[in-house]
Amino acid sequence: MITEHGIIPIPDHYTCIIDLLGRAGRLKEARNFINKMPCHPDVVGWATLLSSCRVHGDMEIGKWAADSLIELEPQNPTSYVLLSSLYAVKGQWNEVAQLRRGMRNKRVKKEPGYSWIKYKGKVHVFSTDDQSSPFLGQIYAELEKLNCKMIEEGYIPDMSSVLHDVEESEKIKMLNHHSEKHAIAFGLIFVPPGLPIRVIKNLRVCGDCHNATKFISKITQREILVRDAVWFHLFKDGTCSCGDFW
């Protein structure tokens, strides 16, 4: 860049290289690249590497990225949540519990998950613990119907998205209560066929909801747009515009 084009790299350029290597699963190369950088990655760079480690299940480099991210932003819950998901996949529940204790000691609070969908000029808000929606019965019935069809199509619930050491049946129940699933089911019930379903979520979409929404888009032949805290996800015909990397 410098010798041929006269462009001096800025942090965004380095983050792009980290992202490219991470998406390709070349995490050791990404680590070597970071170690040779003339400056340390910023928050976005470390978060990008940590997200790649979550996707590819690299605990060693993921821990390194999380520690570096926590050092830069000790009050940001994202690094704790992503690292917890890595530990959960490996079944290291003691490590998950230790992370939670660390969050409590540092007074780091994970923001509750909310999802919004607009219908006929009114915004409908859903959360995991909110049972106040007058449409809840219809939503649960729609999700139950969808779940049966999804399983027939090959859907398997992603238990690693539940960061609690509980029985499998309880994990499935918890997954079914995620706010974006409620918002999507609401959209399927009320938004006329042929129109896209648009949902906004305040947190990063979990792996199970992402996979489930791909199945839902295929089964219902509906276009579903989910804007989470990081990406725009356009689900259509069983695929997502993010390429399963977010």
Protein backbone atom coordinates (compact mmCIF):
# COMPACT_ATOMS: atom_id res chain seq x y z
CA MET A 1 0.00 0.00 0.00
CA ILE A 2 2.73 2.42 0.97
CA THR A 3 5.34 1.65 -1.70
CA GLU A 4 3.01 1.08 -4.67
CA HIS A 5 0.07 3.35 -3.92
CA GLY A 6 1.40 5.84 -1.39
CA ILE A 7 -1.37 4.98 1.08
CA ILE A 8 -0.50 4.93 4.76
CA PRO A 9 -2.60 2.24 6.50
CA ILE A 10 -5.00 3.38 9.23
CA PRO A 11 -6.54 1.13 11.92
CA ASP A 12 -9.51 0.33 9.66
CA HIS A 13 -7.18 -1.20 7.07
CA TYR A 14 -5.64 -3.49 9.67
CA THR A 15 -9.10 -4.46 10.95
CA CYS A 16 -10.13 -5.43 7.41
CA ILE A 17 -7.16 -7.82 7.18
CA ILE A 18 -8.03 -9.30 10.59
CA ASP A 19 -11.61 -9.74 9.39
CA LEU A 20 -10.57 -11.42 6.13
CA LEU A 21 -8.23 -13.86 7.87
CA GLY A 22 -10.83 -14.55 10.55
CA ARG A 23 -13.59 -15.28 8.06
CA ALA A 24 -11.28 -17.75 6.31
CA GLY A 25 -10.55 -19.49 9.62
CA ARG A 26 -6.88 -18.53 9.41
CA LEU A 27 -6.80 -17.40 13.02
CA LYS A 28 -3.15 -18.15 13.69
CA GLU A 29 -2.23 -16.00 10.71
CA ALA A 30 -4.47 -13.28 12.11
CA ARG A 31 -2.65 -13.50 15.44
CA ASN A 32 0.74 -13.31 13.72
CA PHE A 33 -0.46 -10.35 11.68
CA ILE A 34 -1.58 -8.54 14.84
CA ASN A 35 1.73 -9.21 16.56
CA LYS A 36 3.56 -7.62 13.60
CA MET A 37 1.29 -4.58 13.39
CA PRO A 38 2.97 -1.21 14.15
CA CYS A 39 0.11 -0.46 16.55
CA HIS A 40 -2.30 -2.46 18.67
CA PRO A 41 -5.78 -3.17 17.24
CA ASP A 42 -8.61 -0.95 18.41
CA VAL A 43 -11.82 -2.20 19.98
CA VAL A 44 -13.31 -3.10 16.60
CA GLY A 45 -10.23 -5.09 15.63
CA TRP A 46 -10.21 -7.19 18.80
CA ALA A 47 -14.00 -7.70 18.65
CA THR A 48 -13.67 -8.85 15.03
CA LEU A 49 -11.04 -11.43 15.99
CA LEU A 50 -13.07 -12.60 18.98
CA SER A 51 -16.15 -13.02 16.81
CA SER A 52 -14.11 -15.11 14.37
CA CYS A 53 -12.90 -17.30 17.23
CA ARG A 54 -16.53 -17.83 18.29
CA VAL A 55 -17.47 -18.95 14.79
CA HIS A 56 -14.48 -21.30 14.42
CA GLY A 57 -14.30 -22.44 18.05
CA ASP A 58 -10.72 -21.35 18.74
CA MET A 59 -10.50 -21.08 22.50
CA GLU A 60 -6.83 -20.10 22.79
CA ILE A 61 -6.89 -17.12 20.44
CA GLY A 62 -10.40 -16.23 21.55
CA LYS A 63 -9.24 -15.90 25.16
CA TRP A 64 -6.35 -13.70 24.01
CA ALA A 65 -8.69 -11.48 22.01
CA ALA A 66 -11.22 -11.27 24.85
CA ASP A 67 -8.58 -10.34 27.44
CA SER A 68 -7.26 -7.62 25.12
CA LEU A 69 -10.77 -6.31 24.49
CA ILE A 70 -11.62 -6.31 28.20
CA GLU A 71 -8.43 -4.38 28.87
CA LEU A 72 -9.55 -1.68 26.42
CA GLU A 73 -13.22 -1.63 27.46
CA PRO A 74 -13.65 -3.31 30.85
CA GLN A 75 -17.31 -2.27 31.10
CA ASN A 76 -18.35 -3.60 27.68
CA PRO A 77 -20.33 -6.84 28.18
CA THR A 78 -19.83 -8.01 24.57
CA SER A 79 -16.41 -9.55 25.20
CA TYR A 80 -17.68 -11.42 28.26
CA VAL A 81 -20.70 -12.79 26.37
CA LEU A 82 -18.67 -13.94 23.35
CA LEU A 83 -16.05 -15.59 25.53
CA SER A 84 -18.80 -17.24 27.59
CA SER A 85 -20.26 -18.73 24.41
CA LEU A 86 -16.84 -20.19 23.57
CA TYR A 87 -16.62 -21.80 27.01
CA ALA A 88 -20.21 -23.04 26.75
CA VAL A 89 -19.51 -24.82 23.45
CA LYS A 90 -16.63 -26.66 25.14
CA GLY A 91 -18.79 -27.44 28.19
CA GLN A 92 -16.48 -25.46 30.48
CA TRP A 93 -19.21 -24.28 32.82
CA ASN A 94 -16.81 -23.43 35.64
CA GLU A 95 -15.17 -20.90 33.34
CA VAL A 96 -18.59 -19.49 32.40
CA ALA A 97 -19.44 -19.11 36.09
CA GLN A 98 -16.09 -17.44 36.75
CA LEU A 99 -16.75 -14.94 33.95
CA ARG A 100 -20.15 -14.13 35.44
CA ARG A 101 -18.56 -13.55 38.84
CA GLY A 102 -16.02 -11.27 37.21
CA MET A 103 -18.83 -9.30 35.58
CA ARG A 104 -20.61 -8.93 38.91
CA ASN A 105 -17.43 -7.85 40.68
CA LYS A 106 -16.76 -5.22 38.01
CA ARG A 107 -20.47 -4.28 37.92
CA VAL A 108 -20.71 -5.09 34.25
CA LYS A 109 -24.32 -5.68 33.30
CA LYS A 110 -25.51 -7.53 30.22
CA GLU A 111 -28.27 -5.56 28.59
CA PRO A 112 -31.59 -7.45 28.34
CA GLY A 113 -32.52 -8.50 24.82
CA TYR A 114 -35.34 -6.62 23.08
CA SER A 115 -36.76 -6.89 19.57
CA TRP A 116 -39.04 -4.47 17.77
CA ILE A 117 -41.37 -4.79 14.80
CA LYS A 118 -43.60 -2.09 13.36
CA TYR A 119 -47.12 -2.90 12.19
CA LYS A 120 -49.80 -0.44 11.13
CA GLY A 121 -47.91 2.51 12.56
CA LYS A 122 -47.41 0.91 15.98
CA VAL A 123 -44.12 -0.46 17.32
CA HIS A 124 -44.47 -3.82 19.09
CA VAL A 125 -41.67 -4.62 21.54
CA PHE A 126 -40.78 -8.14 22.70
CA SER A 127 -38.40 -9.35 25.39
CA THR A 128 -37.57 -12.73 26.87
CA ASP A 129 -39.24 -12.13 30.22
CA ASP A 130 -42.15 -9.97 29.07
CA GLN A 131 -45.44 -11.88 29.08
CA SER A 132 -47.66 -8.82 28.61
CA SER A 133 -48.28 -9.04 24.85
CA PRO A 134 -51.95 -9.74 24.06
CA PHE A 135 -50.74 -11.77 21.06
CA LEU A 136 -48.56 -14.15 23.08
CA GLY A 137 -50.90 -17.13 22.64
CA GLN A 138 -50.92 -16.70 18.86
CA ILE A 139 -47.15 -16.24 18.83
CA TYR A 140 -46.49 -19.43 20.81
CA ALA A 141 -48.83 -21.38 18.53
CA GLU A 142 -47.05 -20.02 15.45
CA LEU A 143 -43.62 -20.90 16.89
CA GLU A 144 -44.78 -24.41 17.78
CA LYS A 145 -46.04 -24.94 14.22
CA LEU A 146 -42.82 -23.56 12.76
CA ASN A 147 -40.65 -25.65 15.07
CA CYS A 148 -42.25 -28.89 13.86
CA LYS A 149 -41.67 -27.93 10.22
CA MET A 150 -38.12 -26.79 10.96
CA ILE A 151 -37.22 -30.10 12.58
CA GLU A 152 -38.59 -31.92 9.52
CA GLU A 153 -36.27 -29.76 7.38
CA GLY A 154 -33.23 -30.69 9.50
CA TYR A 155 -33.13 -27.91 12.10
CA ILE A 156 -31.20 -28.80 15.29
CA PRO A 157 -31.35 -26.34 18.22
CA ASP A 158 -27.96 -24.80 18.98
CA MET A 159 -27.57 -25.50 22.69
CA SER A 160 -24.33 -23.50 22.84
CA SER A 161 -26.46 -20.35 22.51
CA VAL A 162 -27.74 -21.00 26.05
CA LEU A 163 -25.07 -19.88 28.50
CA HIS A 164 -26.52 -21.82 31.43
CA ASP A 165 -25.70 -25.31 32.68
CA VAL A 166 -29.26 -26.69 32.67
CA GLU A 167 -31.09 -29.70 31.25
CA GLU A 168 -31.46 -29.93 27.49
CA SER A 169 -35.26 -29.56 27.65
CA GLU A 170 -34.84 -26.34 29.62
CA LYS A 171 -32.32 -25.04 27.08
CA ILE A 172 -34.79 -25.63 24.23
CA LYS A 173 -37.47 -23.78 26.18
CA MET A 174 -35.12 -20.85 26.77
CA LEU A 175 -34.20 -20.70 23.07
CA ASN A 176 -37.87 -20.56 22.08
CA HIS A 177 -38.34 -17.48 24.26
CA HIS A 178 -35.73 -15.32 22.52
CA SER A 179 -37.23 -11.97 21.61
CA GLU A 180 -36.42 -12.00 17.88
CA LYS A 181 -38.32 -15.27 17.44
CA HIS A 182 -41.38 -13.66 19.03
CA ALA A 183 -41.08 -10.62 16.77
CA ILE A 184 -40.65 -12.77 13.65
CA ALA A 185 -43.64 -14.93 14.58
CA PHE A 186 -45.69 -11.76 15.10
CA GLY A 187 -44.64 -10.61 11.63
CA LEU A 188 -45.62 -13.93 10.07
CA ILE A 189 -49.06 -13.67 11.66
CA PHE A 190 -49.86 -10.05 10.86
CA VAL A 191 -47.63 -8.74 8.03
CA PRO A 192 -49.36 -9.58 4.71
CA PRO A 193 -47.69 -12.17 2.45
CA GLY A 194 -45.41 -10.64 -0.13
CA LEU A 195 -44.16 -7.94 2.23
CA PRO A 196 -40.82 -8.29 4.04
CA ILE A 197 -40.75 -8.76 7.81
CA ARG A 198 -38.46 -6.18 9.41
CA VAL A 199 -37.16 -6.71 12.95
CA ILE A 200 -34.72 -4.66 15.01
CA LYS A 201 -32.80 -6.18 17.92
CA ASN A 202 -30.65 -4.32 20.44
CA LEU A 203 -28.13 -7.17 20.87
CA ARG A 204 -26.19 -9.48 18.57
CA VAL A 205 -28.38 -12.27 17.19
CA CYS A 206 -27.44 -15.60 18.76
CA GLY A 207 -26.37 -18.59 16.69
CA ASP A 208 -29.58 -20.53 17.23
CA CYS A 209 -31.89 -17.66 16.27
CA HIS A 210 -29.77 -16.99 13.19
CA ASN A 211 -29.99 -20.60 12.09
CA ALA A 212 -33.70 -20.84 12.95
CA THR A 213 -34.50 -17.70 10.95
CA LYS A 214 -32.83 -19.21 7.89
CA PHE A 215 -35.11 -22.23 8.17
CA ILE A 216 -38.15 -20.01 8.75
CA SER A 217 -37.41 -17.93 5.64
CA LYS A 218 -37.22 -21.11 3.58
CA ILE A 219 -40.32 -22.76 5.02
CA THR A 220 -42.52 -19.67 4.80
CA GLN A 221 -40.95 -18.23 1.64
CA ARG A 222 -40.82 -14.88 3.40
CA GLU A 223 -38.08 -12.27 3.28
CA ILE A 224 -36.95 -11.43 6.83
CA LEU A 225 -34.68 -8.50 7.62
CA VAL A 226 -33.12 -8.44 11.09
CA ARG A 227 -31.01 -5.48 12.18
CA ASP A 228 -29.03 -6.46 15.26
CA ALA A 229 -26.36 -4.54 17.18
CA VAL A 230 -23.70 -5.38 14.59
CA TRP A 231 -25.16 -6.35 11.19
CA PHE A 232 -28.08 -6.19 8.83
CA HIS A 233 -29.20 -9.77 8.21
CA LEU A 234 -31.37 -10.42 5.15
CA PHE A 235 -32.82 -13.92 5.33
CA LYS A 236 -34.22 -15.33 2.11
CA ASP A 237 -34.78 -18.88 0.84
CA GLY A 238 -32.82 -20.39 3.73
CA THR A 239 -29.73 -18.20 3.49
CA CYS A 240 -28.50 -15.01 5.12
CA SER A 241 -26.76 -12.09 3.49
CA CYS A 242 -24.02 -12.15 6.17
CA GLY A 243 -22.80 -15.54 4.94
CA ASP A 244 -23.17 -16.94 8.47
CA PHE A 245 -20.46 -14.66 9.77
CA TRP A 246 -21.40 -11.87 12.14
